[in-house]
Amino acid sequence: MKKFLEKYSHSYSEPNQNINKETFQHKYHAFSFIYDLIYQYGGDVFDNGLFKIHTFAYLEKWTNLITNHYFKKEIEGQELICFASNWQGCMYCVNSANNLITYFDPATCDFFSADNTSITNFFDNVLVDGEFDIIFEDYFKEVMGYLNSSKLNYDESIGHKIFLHLGGEDDIENLAIINTEVLWDLHIQVAERINDLPD
């Protein structure tokens, strides 16, 4: 986390739950390696909402939503746990071997994976000086200025007012601040209905 903490500024913290390591390991035995991250940094928000690390409660909530509901069929057989999100509501997950990071995008209802990437590598290499920008820092600042907002609350993201699935434009004028879970639920509902339409 050293390089990540040097690059991004801590803005505020959402209260985290006090869960001991034994309790966590009993429930998520394959993911004991992530406990220290959530215990120490869970609830921390960086650069006014650019990036957020899950609290223990959000880790449980979003792991359940992503793996048991939104993408249950698509990731069948994979063990994943969600540990963070960005300003667009994208959810970042790691596998139980700690060598694969997968992030899920509500705008496209799709997911993308970075092979051979551990939690440490993700924070101190991919996010800091990776070849590809996956949190869109400069665009976030532009959007926040356009929306005349100084920060995002912990449960807020920025999404399209008219969804891309429904012909909405992927531009700044089509963006608004919205509750993250509402954003995901609406996108998944629309995507499922479109997929159910006859060819």
N, C-alpha and C. Protein backbone atom coordinates (compact mmCIF):
# COMPACT_ATOMS: atom_id res chain seq x y z
N MET A 1 0.82 -1.22 0.00
CA MET A 1 0.00 0.00 0.00
C MET A 1 0.85 1.27 0.00
N LYS A 2 2.16 1.15 0.20
CA LYS A 2 2.99 2.33 0.39
C LYS A 2 2.90 3.28 -0.80
N LYS A 3 3.11 2.77 -2.00
CA LYS A 3 3.09 3.63 -3.19
C LYS A 3 1.69 4.18 -3.45
N PHE A 4 0.68 3.37 -3.18
CA PHE A 4 -0.70 3.83 -3.35
C PHE A 4 -0.99 4.99 -2.40
N LEU A 5 -0.59 4.87 -1.14
CA LEU A 5 -0.86 5.90 -0.14
C LEU A 5 -0.05 7.17 -0.41
N GLU A 6 1.07 7.02 -1.09
CA GLU A 6 1.85 8.20 -1.47
C GLU A 6 1.21 8.96 -2.62
N LYS A 7 0.53 8.24 -3.51
CA LYS A 7 -0.06 8.89 -4.68
C LYS A 7 -1.43 9.47 -4.39
N TYR A 8 -2.26 8.74 -3.62
CA TYR A 8 -3.64 9.17 -3.41
C TYR A 8 -3.83 9.67 -1.98
N SER A 9 -4.63 10.73 -1.86
CA SER A 9 -4.84 11.37 -0.56
C SER A 9 -6.06 10.79 0.14
N HIS A 10 -5.90 10.48 1.42
CA HIS A 10 -7.03 10.03 2.22
C HIS A 10 -7.95 11.20 2.50
N SER A 11 -9.25 11.04 2.14
CA SER A 11 -10.21 12.13 2.29
C SER A 11 -11.03 12.02 3.56
N TYR A 12 -11.62 10.85 3.78
CA TYR A 12 -12.40 10.60 4.99
C TYR A 12 -12.60 9.10 5.12
N SER A 13 -13.18 8.69 6.24
CA SER A 13 -13.38 7.26 6.48
C SER A 13 -14.82 6.99 6.89
N GLU A 14 -15.40 5.95 6.33
CA GLU A 14 -16.68 5.41 6.77
C GLU A 14 -16.38 4.49 7.96
N PRO A 15 -17.17 4.55 9.02
CA PRO A 15 -16.91 3.67 10.18
C PRO A 15 -16.87 2.20 9.77
N ASN A 16 -15.85 1.52 10.22
CA ASN A 16 -15.68 0.10 9.93
C ASN A 16 -16.11 -0.73 11.13
N GLN A 17 -16.43 -1.98 10.89
CA GLN A 17 -16.86 -2.87 11.96
C GLN A 17 -15.63 -3.49 12.64
N ASN A 18 -15.75 -3.77 13.90
CA ASN A 18 -14.64 -4.37 14.65
C ASN A 18 -14.81 -5.89 14.64
N ILE A 19 -14.28 -6.52 13.60
CA ILE A 19 -14.38 -7.97 13.46
C ILE A 19 -13.00 -8.57 13.67
N ASN A 20 -12.91 -9.53 14.58
CA ASN A 20 -11.59 -10.11 14.84
C ASN A 20 -11.19 -11.10 13.74
N LYS A 21 -9.92 -11.40 13.71
CA LYS A 21 -9.37 -12.20 12.62
C LYS A 21 -9.92 -13.61 12.61
N GLU A 22 -10.13 -14.20 13.78
CA GLU A 22 -10.65 -15.57 13.84
C GLU A 22 -12.06 -15.65 13.26
N THR A 23 -12.89 -14.67 13.59
CA THR A 23 -14.25 -14.63 13.06
C THR A 23 -14.23 -14.51 11.55
N PHE A 24 -13.37 -13.64 11.04
CA PHE A 24 -13.27 -13.44 9.59
C PHE A 24 -12.77 -14.71 8.90
N GLN A 25 -11.74 -15.31 9.46
CA GLN A 25 -11.18 -16.51 8.85
C GLN A 25 -12.17 -17.68 8.87
N HIS A 26 -13.00 -17.72 9.89
CA HIS A 26 -14.00 -18.78 9.96
C HIS A 26 -14.99 -18.66 8.80
N LYS A 27 -15.34 -17.44 8.43
CA LYS A 27 -16.31 -17.23 7.36
C LYS A 27 -15.65 -17.22 5.99
N TYR A 28 -14.45 -16.65 5.91
CA TYR A 28 -13.76 -16.51 4.63
C TYR A 28 -12.37 -17.15 4.74
N HIS A 29 -12.34 -18.43 5.03
CA HIS A 29 -11.07 -19.10 5.33
C HIS A 29 -10.08 -19.02 4.17
N ALA A 30 -10.59 -18.97 2.95
CA ALA A 30 -9.69 -18.93 1.79
C ALA A 30 -9.13 -17.53 1.54
N PHE A 31 -9.63 -16.55 2.28
CA PHE A 31 -9.24 -15.16 2.03
C PHE A 31 -8.63 -14.50 3.26
N SER A 32 -7.98 -15.28 4.09
CA SER A 32 -7.39 -14.71 5.30
C SER A 32 -6.36 -13.62 4.98
N PHE A 33 -5.76 -13.68 3.78
CA PHE A 33 -4.73 -12.72 3.40
C PHE A 33 -5.27 -11.30 3.26
N ILE A 34 -6.59 -11.15 3.13
CA ILE A 34 -7.14 -9.81 2.91
C ILE A 34 -7.60 -9.16 4.21
N TYR A 35 -7.58 -9.90 5.30
CA TYR A 35 -8.09 -9.37 6.57
C TYR A 35 -7.38 -8.09 6.99
N ASP A 36 -6.07 -8.09 6.96
CA ASP A 36 -5.31 -6.93 7.44
C ASP A 36 -5.63 -5.67 6.63
N LEU A 37 -5.82 -5.82 5.33
CA LEU A 37 -6.19 -4.69 4.49
C LEU A 37 -7.51 -4.07 4.94
N ILE A 38 -8.53 -4.92 5.14
CA ILE A 38 -9.85 -4.41 5.51
C ILE A 38 -9.85 -3.90 6.95
N TYR A 39 -9.11 -4.58 7.81
CA TYR A 39 -9.04 -4.14 9.21
C TYR A 39 -8.38 -2.76 9.33
N GLN A 40 -7.34 -2.55 8.56
CA GLN A 40 -6.59 -1.30 8.69
C GLN A 40 -7.15 -0.17 7.83
N TYR A 41 -7.63 -0.49 6.64
CA TYR A 41 -8.02 0.55 5.69
C TYR A 41 -9.50 0.52 5.31
N GLY A 42 -10.24 -0.46 5.81
CA GLY A 42 -11.65 -0.57 5.45
C GLY A 42 -12.43 0.70 5.78
N GLY A 43 -13.16 1.22 4.80
CA GLY A 43 -13.92 2.45 4.98
C GLY A 43 -13.18 3.69 4.52
N ASP A 44 -11.90 3.55 4.18
CA ASP A 44 -11.13 4.71 3.73
C ASP A 44 -11.51 5.12 2.32
N VAL A 45 -11.66 6.43 2.14
CA VAL A 45 -12.02 7.01 0.85
C VAL A 45 -10.88 7.91 0.41
N PHE A 46 -10.46 7.76 -0.83
CA PHE A 46 -9.31 8.50 -1.34
C PHE A 46 -9.71 9.46 -2.45
N ASP A 47 -9.06 10.61 -2.43
CA ASP A 47 -9.28 11.65 -3.44
C ASP A 47 -10.76 11.96 -3.63
N ASN A 48 -11.46 12.14 -2.51
CA ASN A 48 -12.85 12.61 -2.49
C ASN A 48 -13.85 11.68 -3.17
N GLY A 49 -13.49 10.40 -3.22
CA GLY A 49 -14.42 9.42 -3.76
C GLY A 49 -13.92 8.71 -5.00
N LEU A 50 -12.72 9.05 -5.43
CA LEU A 50 -12.13 8.38 -6.59
C LEU A 50 -12.05 6.87 -6.36
N PHE A 51 -11.62 6.49 -5.16
CA PHE A 51 -11.42 5.08 -4.83
C PHE A 51 -11.79 4.85 -3.37
N LYS A 52 -12.47 3.73 -3.10
CA LYS A 52 -12.92 3.42 -1.75
C LYS A 52 -12.60 1.96 -1.42
N ILE A 53 -12.12 1.75 -0.21
CA ILE A 53 -11.87 0.39 0.26
C ILE A 53 -13.05 -0.05 1.13
N HIS A 54 -13.53 -1.26 0.89
CA HIS A 54 -14.73 -1.73 1.58
C HIS A 54 -14.51 -1.90 3.08
N THR A 55 -15.54 -1.57 3.83
CA THR A 55 -15.60 -1.99 5.23
C THR A 55 -15.89 -3.49 5.25
N PHE A 56 -15.84 -4.09 6.43
CA PHE A 56 -16.19 -5.51 6.52
C PHE A 56 -17.63 -5.74 6.05
N ALA A 57 -18.53 -4.81 6.40
CA ALA A 57 -19.93 -4.96 6.01
C ALA A 57 -20.10 -4.84 4.50
N TYR A 58 -19.40 -3.90 3.88
CA TYR A 58 -19.49 -3.73 2.43
C TYR A 58 -18.83 -4.90 1.70
N LEU A 59 -17.74 -5.41 2.26
CA LEU A 59 -17.11 -6.59 1.68
C LEU A 59 -18.10 -7.74 1.60
N GLU A 60 -18.81 -7.98 2.69
CA GLU A 60 -19.80 -9.06 2.71
C GLU A 60 -20.94 -8.78 1.75
N LYS A 61 -21.44 -7.55 1.79
CA LYS A 61 -22.59 -7.18 0.95
C LYS A 61 -22.27 -7.31 -0.54
N TRP A 62 -21.15 -6.73 -0.96
CA TRP A 62 -20.85 -6.71 -2.39
C TRP A 62 -20.30 -8.04 -2.89
N THR A 63 -19.64 -8.79 -2.05
CA THR A 63 -19.24 -10.14 -2.45
C THR A 63 -20.48 -10.98 -2.72
N ASN A 64 -21.47 -10.86 -1.87
CA ASN A 64 -22.72 -11.59 -2.05
C ASN A 64 -23.45 -11.16 -3.32
N LEU A 65 -23.57 -9.85 -3.53
CA LEU A 65 -24.29 -9.35 -4.71
C LEU A 65 -23.59 -9.75 -6.01
N ILE A 66 -22.28 -9.57 -6.05
CA ILE A 66 -21.54 -9.86 -7.28
C ILE A 66 -21.50 -11.36 -7.58
N THR A 67 -21.16 -12.17 -6.56
CA THR A 67 -20.92 -13.59 -6.82
C THR A 67 -22.17 -14.46 -6.75
N ASN A 68 -23.18 -14.04 -6.01
CA ASN A 68 -24.38 -14.86 -5.85
C ASN A 68 -25.60 -14.35 -6.59
N HIS A 69 -25.50 -13.16 -7.14
CA HIS A 69 -26.66 -12.58 -7.82
C HIS A 69 -26.30 -12.02 -9.20
N TYR A 70 -25.56 -10.94 -9.25
CA TYR A 70 -25.34 -10.25 -10.53
C TYR A 70 -24.58 -11.08 -11.55
N PHE A 71 -23.56 -11.82 -11.11
CA PHE A 71 -22.70 -12.55 -12.05
C PHE A 71 -22.55 -14.02 -11.66
N LYS A 72 -23.57 -14.56 -11.05
CA LYS A 72 -23.48 -15.93 -10.53
C LYS A 72 -23.13 -16.94 -11.62
N LYS A 73 -23.79 -16.87 -12.77
CA LYS A 73 -23.53 -17.83 -13.83
C LYS A 73 -22.18 -17.59 -14.49
N GLU A 74 -21.85 -16.32 -14.69
CA GLU A 74 -20.64 -15.97 -15.42
C GLU A 74 -19.36 -16.36 -14.69
N ILE A 75 -19.38 -16.34 -13.36
CA ILE A 75 -18.16 -16.65 -12.62
C ILE A 75 -18.29 -17.96 -11.84
N GLU A 76 -19.19 -18.80 -12.27
CA GLU A 76 -19.40 -20.06 -11.58
C GLU A 76 -18.08 -20.83 -11.44
N GLY A 77 -17.83 -21.30 -10.22
CA GLY A 77 -16.61 -22.07 -9.98
C GLY A 77 -15.45 -21.24 -9.47
N GLN A 78 -15.56 -19.92 -9.55
CA GLN A 78 -14.50 -19.05 -9.06
C GLN A 78 -14.80 -18.60 -7.63
N GLU A 79 -13.78 -18.53 -6.81
CA GLU A 79 -13.91 -17.97 -5.47
C GLU A 79 -13.37 -16.55 -5.49
N LEU A 80 -14.25 -15.58 -5.28
CA LEU A 80 -13.87 -14.17 -5.32
C LEU A 80 -14.38 -13.46 -4.07
N ILE A 81 -13.68 -12.40 -3.69
CA ILE A 81 -14.13 -11.56 -2.60
C ILE A 81 -13.92 -10.10 -3.02
N CYS A 82 -14.93 -9.26 -2.79
CA CYS A 82 -14.87 -7.86 -3.21
C CYS A 82 -14.26 -7.00 -2.11
N PHE A 83 -13.30 -6.18 -2.48
CA PHE A 83 -12.57 -5.42 -1.46
C PHE A 83 -12.58 -3.91 -1.68
N ALA A 84 -13.01 -3.44 -2.85
CA ALA A 84 -12.95 -2.00 -3.10
C ALA A 84 -13.85 -1.62 -4.27
N SER A 85 -14.03 -0.31 -4.46
CA SER A 85 -14.81 0.19 -5.60
C SER A 85 -14.23 1.53 -6.05
N ASN A 86 -14.59 1.95 -7.25
CA ASN A 86 -14.17 3.27 -7.70
C ASN A 86 -15.38 4.19 -7.86
N TRP A 87 -15.16 5.38 -8.37
CA TRP A 87 -16.21 6.39 -8.43
C TRP A 87 -17.33 6.04 -9.40
N GLN A 88 -17.08 5.13 -10.32
CA GLN A 88 -18.10 4.71 -11.27
C GLN A 88 -18.91 3.51 -10.77
N GLY A 89 -18.63 3.08 -9.54
CA GLY A 89 -19.33 1.92 -8.99
C GLY A 89 -18.74 0.60 -9.39
N CYS A 90 -17.59 0.60 -10.08
CA CYS A 90 -16.92 -0.66 -10.42
C CYS A 90 -16.45 -1.34 -9.15
N MET A 91 -16.66 -2.64 -9.07
CA MET A 91 -16.28 -3.42 -7.90
C MET A 91 -15.03 -4.25 -8.20
N TYR A 92 -14.06 -4.18 -7.31
CA TYR A 92 -12.79 -4.89 -7.47
C TYR A 92 -12.76 -6.10 -6.55
N CYS A 93 -12.45 -7.24 -7.12
CA CYS A 93 -12.44 -8.50 -6.38
C CYS A 93 -11.12 -9.23 -6.61
N VAL A 94 -10.76 -10.07 -5.65
CA VAL A 94 -9.56 -10.89 -5.76
C VAL A 94 -9.96 -12.35 -5.58
N ASN A 95 -9.22 -13.24 -6.23
CA ASN A 95 -9.52 -14.66 -6.07
C ASN A 95 -8.82 -15.23 -4.85
N SER A 96 -9.18 -16.44 -4.48
CA SER A 96 -8.66 -17.04 -3.25
C SER A 96 -7.17 -17.35 -3.33
N ALA A 97 -6.62 -17.45 -4.53
CA ALA A 97 -5.18 -17.69 -4.68
C ALA A 97 -4.37 -16.40 -4.62
N ASN A 98 -5.08 -15.28 -4.56
CA ASN A 98 -4.45 -13.96 -4.51
C ASN A 98 -3.51 -13.74 -5.70
N ASN A 99 -3.98 -14.14 -6.89
CA ASN A 99 -3.18 -13.92 -8.10
C ASN A 99 -4.03 -13.47 -9.28
N LEU A 100 -5.27 -13.05 -9.00
CA LEU A 100 -6.17 -12.59 -10.07
C LEU A 100 -7.09 -11.51 -9.51
N ILE A 101 -7.06 -10.33 -10.12
CA ILE A 101 -7.96 -9.25 -9.75
C ILE A 101 -9.01 -9.12 -10.85
N THR A 102 -10.28 -9.13 -10.47
CA THR A 102 -11.38 -8.98 -11.42
C THR A 102 -12.20 -7.77 -11.01
N TYR A 103 -12.48 -6.90 -11.98
CA TYR A 103 -13.34 -5.76 -11.65
C TYR A 103 -14.58 -5.78 -12.53
N PHE A 104 -15.69 -5.46 -11.87
CA PHE A 104 -17.02 -5.56 -12.46
C PHE A 104 -17.58 -4.16 -12.69
N ASP A 105 -18.05 -3.92 -13.91
CA ASP A 105 -18.48 -2.60 -14.33
C ASP A 105 -20.00 -2.54 -14.47
N PRO A 106 -20.69 -1.69 -13.69
CA PRO A 106 -22.15 -1.63 -13.80
C PRO A 106 -22.63 -1.05 -15.12
N ALA A 107 -21.86 -0.14 -15.71
CA ALA A 107 -22.31 0.53 -16.93
C ALA A 107 -22.45 -0.44 -18.09
N THR A 108 -21.57 -1.44 -18.15
CA THR A 108 -21.60 -2.42 -19.24
C THR A 108 -22.10 -3.78 -18.79
N CYS A 109 -22.26 -3.94 -17.46
CA CYS A 109 -22.62 -5.25 -16.88
C CYS A 109 -21.66 -6.32 -17.36
N ASP A 110 -20.39 -5.96 -17.36
CA ASP A 110 -19.34 -6.87 -17.81
C ASP A 110 -18.23 -6.87 -16.77
N PHE A 111 -17.26 -7.76 -16.95
CA PHE A 111 -16.14 -7.81 -16.02
C PHE A 111 -14.84 -8.09 -16.76
N PHE A 112 -13.75 -7.67 -16.13
CA PHE A 112 -12.43 -7.76 -16.73
C PHE A 112 -11.45 -8.25 -15.67
N SER A 113 -10.47 -9.02 -16.08
CA SER A 113 -9.54 -9.62 -15.12
C SER A 113 -8.10 -9.27 -15.45
N ALA A 114 -7.31 -9.12 -14.38
CA ALA A 114 -5.87 -8.91 -14.50
C ALA A 114 -5.17 -10.14 -13.94
N ASP A 115 -4.60 -10.95 -14.81
CA ASP A 115 -3.93 -12.18 -14.39
C ASP A 115 -2.62 -11.86 -13.67
N ASN A 116 -2.19 -12.80 -12.86
CA ASN A 116 -0.90 -12.68 -12.16
C ASN A 116 -0.79 -11.37 -11.38
N THR A 117 -1.89 -11.01 -10.74
CA THR A 117 -1.94 -9.76 -9.99
C THR A 117 -2.45 -10.04 -8.59
N SER A 118 -1.62 -9.77 -7.61
CA SER A 118 -2.00 -9.93 -6.21
C SER A 118 -2.56 -8.62 -5.68
N ILE A 119 -3.09 -8.65 -4.45
CA ILE A 119 -3.58 -7.43 -3.81
C ILE A 119 -2.46 -6.38 -3.74
N THR A 120 -1.29 -6.78 -3.29
CA THR A 120 -0.18 -5.85 -3.17
C THR A 120 0.20 -5.25 -4.51
N ASN A 121 0.30 -6.11 -5.52
CA ASN A 121 0.65 -5.64 -6.86
C ASN A 121 -0.42 -4.71 -7.42
N PHE A 122 -1.67 -5.00 -7.11
CA PHE A 122 -2.77 -4.17 -7.59
C PHE A 122 -2.66 -2.75 -7.05
N PHE A 123 -2.45 -2.62 -5.74
CA PHE A 123 -2.40 -1.30 -5.13
C PHE A 123 -1.12 -0.54 -5.49
N ASP A 124 0.00 -1.19 -5.46
CA ASP A 124 1.26 -0.47 -5.61
C ASP A 124 1.83 -0.45 -7.02
N ASN A 125 1.20 -1.19 -7.93
CA ASN A 125 1.67 -1.16 -9.32
C ASN A 125 0.54 -0.82 -10.30
N VAL A 126 -0.50 -1.63 -10.32
CA VAL A 126 -1.57 -1.42 -11.29
C VAL A 126 -2.22 -0.05 -11.11
N LEU A 127 -2.56 0.31 -9.87
CA LEU A 127 -3.24 1.58 -9.63
C LEU A 127 -2.29 2.77 -9.68
N VAL A 128 -1.04 2.55 -9.40
CA VAL A 128 -0.11 3.67 -9.31
C VAL A 128 0.57 3.97 -10.64
N ASP A 129 1.11 2.95 -11.28
CA ASP A 129 1.84 3.21 -12.52
C ASP A 129 1.58 2.11 -13.55
N GLY A 130 0.39 1.58 -13.51
CA GLY A 130 0.04 0.52 -14.45
C GLY A 130 -0.07 1.03 -15.88
N GLU A 131 0.03 0.13 -16.82
CA GLU A 131 -0.03 0.49 -18.23
C GLU A 131 -1.39 1.05 -18.61
N PHE A 132 -2.44 0.57 -17.92
CA PHE A 132 -3.80 1.01 -18.24
C PHE A 132 -4.42 1.72 -17.04
N ASP A 133 -5.11 2.80 -17.29
CA ASP A 133 -5.81 3.55 -16.26
C ASP A 133 -7.17 2.89 -16.04
N ILE A 134 -7.37 2.31 -14.86
CA ILE A 134 -8.65 1.63 -14.61
C ILE A 134 -9.52 2.36 -13.60
N ILE A 135 -9.05 3.55 -13.13
CA ILE A 135 -9.94 4.33 -12.26
C ILE A 135 -10.21 5.72 -12.83
N PHE A 136 -9.57 6.08 -13.94
CA PHE A 136 -9.89 7.29 -14.68
C PHE A 136 -9.87 8.53 -13.79
N GLU A 137 -8.72 8.77 -13.21
CA GLU A 137 -8.54 9.84 -12.24
C GLU A 137 -8.82 11.22 -12.84
N ASP A 138 -8.26 11.50 -14.01
CA ASP A 138 -8.44 12.82 -14.62
C ASP A 138 -9.90 13.07 -14.99
N TYR A 139 -10.56 12.04 -15.51
CA TYR A 139 -11.96 12.20 -15.90
C TYR A 139 -12.84 12.41 -14.66
N PHE A 140 -12.50 11.74 -13.57
CA PHE A 140 -13.24 11.93 -12.32
C PHE A 140 -13.22 13.39 -11.89
N LYS A 141 -12.06 14.00 -11.94
CA LYS A 141 -11.95 15.41 -11.56
C LYS A 141 -12.79 16.29 -12.48
N GLU A 142 -12.77 15.99 -13.76
CA GLU A 142 -13.55 16.76 -14.73
C GLU A 142 -15.05 16.61 -14.45
N VAL A 143 -15.48 15.39 -14.18
CA VAL A 143 -16.89 15.13 -13.92
C VAL A 143 -17.34 15.80 -12.63
N MET A 144 -16.54 15.72 -11.59
CA MET A 144 -16.91 16.35 -10.32
C MET A 144 -17.04 17.85 -10.48
N GLY A 145 -16.18 18.45 -11.30
CA GLY A 145 -16.29 19.87 -11.57
C GLY A 145 -17.57 20.20 -12.31
N TYR A 146 -17.90 19.38 -13.30
CA TYR A 146 -19.13 19.58 -14.07
C TYR A 146 -20.36 19.45 -13.18
N LEU A 147 -20.33 18.50 -12.26
CA LEU A 147 -21.47 18.27 -11.36
C LEU A 147 -21.45 19.22 -10.15
N ASN A 148 -20.43 20.05 -10.08
CA ASN A 148 -20.28 21.01 -8.98
C ASN A 148 -20.34 20.31 -7.63
N SER A 149 -19.60 19.21 -7.52
CA SER A 149 -19.57 18.42 -6.30
C SER A 149 -18.14 18.31 -5.80
N SER A 150 -17.97 18.38 -4.49
CA SER A 150 -16.63 18.33 -3.92
C SER A 150 -16.20 16.91 -3.53
N LYS A 151 -17.19 16.04 -3.27
CA LYS A 151 -16.85 14.67 -2.90
C LYS A 151 -18.06 13.77 -3.09
N LEU A 152 -17.79 12.47 -3.14
CA LEU A 152 -18.84 11.46 -3.17
C LEU A 152 -18.97 10.87 -1.78
N ASN A 153 -20.19 10.64 -1.33
CA ASN A 153 -20.40 9.91 -0.10
C ASN A 153 -19.98 8.45 -0.30
N TYR A 154 -19.83 7.74 0.80
CA TYR A 154 -19.32 6.37 0.73
C TYR A 154 -20.22 5.46 -0.10
N ASP A 155 -21.53 5.69 -0.04
CA ASP A 155 -22.47 4.82 -0.75
C ASP A 155 -22.90 5.40 -2.10
N GLU A 156 -22.14 6.37 -2.61
CA GLU A 156 -22.49 7.01 -3.88
C GLU A 156 -21.47 6.71 -4.96
N SER A 157 -21.97 6.72 -6.19
CA SER A 157 -21.13 6.60 -7.37
C SER A 157 -21.66 7.57 -8.43
N ILE A 158 -21.02 7.59 -9.57
CA ILE A 158 -21.47 8.41 -10.68
C ILE A 158 -21.80 7.49 -11.85
N GLY A 159 -23.02 7.59 -12.34
CA GLY A 159 -23.46 6.72 -13.42
C GLY A 159 -24.21 7.48 -14.49
N HIS A 160 -24.57 6.79 -15.53
CA HIS A 160 -25.27 7.40 -16.66
C HIS A 160 -26.75 7.60 -16.33
N LYS A 161 -27.26 8.77 -16.67
CA LYS A 161 -28.69 9.06 -16.47
C LYS A 161 -29.52 8.25 -17.46
N ILE A 162 -29.09 8.21 -18.70
CA ILE A 162 -29.69 7.32 -19.70
C ILE A 162 -28.65 6.23 -19.97
N PHE A 163 -28.98 5.00 -19.62
CA PHE A 163 -28.01 3.91 -19.66
C PHE A 163 -27.49 3.65 -21.08
N LEU A 164 -26.26 3.19 -21.15
CA LEU A 164 -25.67 2.87 -22.44
C LEU A 164 -26.46 1.79 -23.16
N HIS A 165 -27.01 0.84 -22.38
CA HIS A 165 -27.84 -0.23 -22.97
C HIS A 165 -29.07 0.33 -23.66
N LEU A 166 -29.49 1.52 -23.24
CA LEU A 166 -30.72 2.11 -23.79
C LEU A 166 -30.41 3.24 -24.77
N GLY A 167 -29.17 3.29 -25.23
CA GLY A 167 -28.80 4.29 -26.22
C GLY A 167 -28.24 5.58 -25.65
N GLY A 168 -28.00 5.61 -24.35
CA GLY A 168 -27.43 6.81 -23.73
C GLY A 168 -26.01 7.06 -24.20
N GLU A 169 -25.64 8.33 -24.22
CA GLU A 169 -24.30 8.70 -24.67
C GLU A 169 -23.30 8.56 -23.51
N ASP A 170 -22.10 8.14 -23.83
CA ASP A 170 -21.04 8.01 -22.82
C ASP A 170 -20.28 9.33 -22.75
N ASP A 171 -20.98 10.38 -22.29
CA ASP A 171 -20.34 11.68 -22.17
C ASP A 171 -20.73 12.32 -20.84
N ILE A 172 -20.07 13.40 -20.52
CA ILE A 172 -20.19 14.01 -19.21
C ILE A 172 -21.59 14.55 -18.92
N GLU A 173 -22.30 14.97 -19.95
CA GLU A 173 -23.64 15.53 -19.75
C GLU A 173 -24.66 14.47 -19.39
N ASN A 174 -24.30 13.21 -19.57
CA ASN A 174 -25.21 12.11 -19.27
C ASN A 174 -24.87 11.45 -17.93
N LEU A 175 -24.13 12.14 -17.07
CA LEU A 175 -23.70 11.57 -15.80
C LEU A 175 -24.37 12.26 -14.61
N ALA A 176 -24.58 11.48 -13.55
CA ALA A 176 -25.19 12.01 -12.33
C ALA A 176 -24.74 11.17 -11.15
N ILE A 177 -24.81 11.75 -9.96
CA ILE A 177 -24.48 11.04 -8.73
C ILE A 177 -25.68 10.19 -8.31
N ILE A 178 -25.41 8.94 -7.94
CA ILE A 178 -26.49 8.01 -7.60
C ILE A 178 -26.00 7.02 -6.55
N ASN A 179 -26.90 6.50 -5.76
CA ASN A 179 -26.57 5.46 -4.80
C ASN A 179 -26.00 4.25 -5.56
N THR A 180 -24.90 3.71 -5.07
CA THR A 180 -24.20 2.65 -5.80
C THR A 180 -25.04 1.39 -5.97
N GLU A 181 -25.75 0.98 -4.94
CA GLU A 181 -26.56 -0.23 -5.07
C GLU A 181 -27.73 -0.01 -6.01
N VAL A 182 -28.33 1.17 -5.99
CA VAL A 182 -29.41 1.50 -6.92
C VAL A 182 -28.87 1.46 -8.35
N LEU A 183 -27.69 2.04 -8.53
CA LEU A 183 -27.05 2.04 -9.86
C LEU A 183 -26.90 0.62 -10.38
N TRP A 184 -26.35 -0.26 -9.56
CA TRP A 184 -26.15 -1.65 -9.97
C TRP A 184 -27.47 -2.35 -10.25
N ASP A 185 -28.42 -2.21 -9.34
CA ASP A 185 -29.71 -2.90 -9.51
C ASP A 185 -30.39 -2.49 -10.81
N LEU A 186 -30.39 -1.20 -11.10
CA LEU A 186 -31.06 -0.71 -12.32
C LEU A 186 -30.35 -1.22 -13.57
N HIS A 187 -29.03 -1.17 -13.57
CA HIS A 187 -28.29 -1.65 -14.74
C HIS A 187 -28.51 -3.14 -14.97
N ILE A 188 -28.48 -3.92 -13.91
CA ILE A 188 -28.67 -5.37 -14.05
C ILE A 188 -30.09 -5.67 -14.55
N GLN A 189 -31.08 -4.98 -14.01
CA GLN A 189 -32.47 -5.19 -14.44
C GLN A 189 -32.63 -4.89 -15.93
N VAL A 190 -32.07 -3.76 -16.37
CA VAL A 190 -32.17 -3.39 -17.78
C VAL A 190 -31.45 -4.40 -18.66
N ALA A 191 -30.25 -4.80 -18.26
CA ALA A 191 -29.48 -5.75 -19.06
C ALA A 191 -30.21 -7.09 -19.16
N GLU A 192 -30.80 -7.55 -18.07
CA GLU A 192 -31.52 -8.82 -18.09
C GLU A 192 -32.73 -8.76 -19.00
N ARG A 193 -33.44 -7.64 -18.98
CA ARG A 193 -34.62 -7.50 -19.84
C ARG A 193 -34.23 -7.46 -21.31
N ILE A 194 -33.13 -6.77 -21.60
CA ILE A 194 -32.67 -6.72 -22.99
C ILE A 194 -32.24 -8.11 -23.45
N ASN A 195 -31.55 -8.84 -22.60
CA ASN A 195 -31.10 -10.20 -22.96
C ASN A 195 -32.27 -11.15 -23.16
N ASP A 196 -33.41 -10.86 -22.51
CA ASP A 196 -34.60 -11.71 -22.64
C ASP A 196 -35.41 -11.42 -23.89
N LEU A 197 -35.08 -10.31 -24.57
CA LEU A 197 -35.83 -9.97 -25.78
C LEU A 197 -35.51 -10.97 -26.90
N PRO A 198 -36.51 -11.29 -27.71
CA PRO A 198 -36.25 -12.20 -28.85
C PRO A 198 -35.34 -11.55 -29.86
N ASP A 199 -34.54 -12.35 -30.54
CA ASP A 199 -33.64 -11.82 -31.58
C ASP A 199 -34.44 -11.27 -32.75
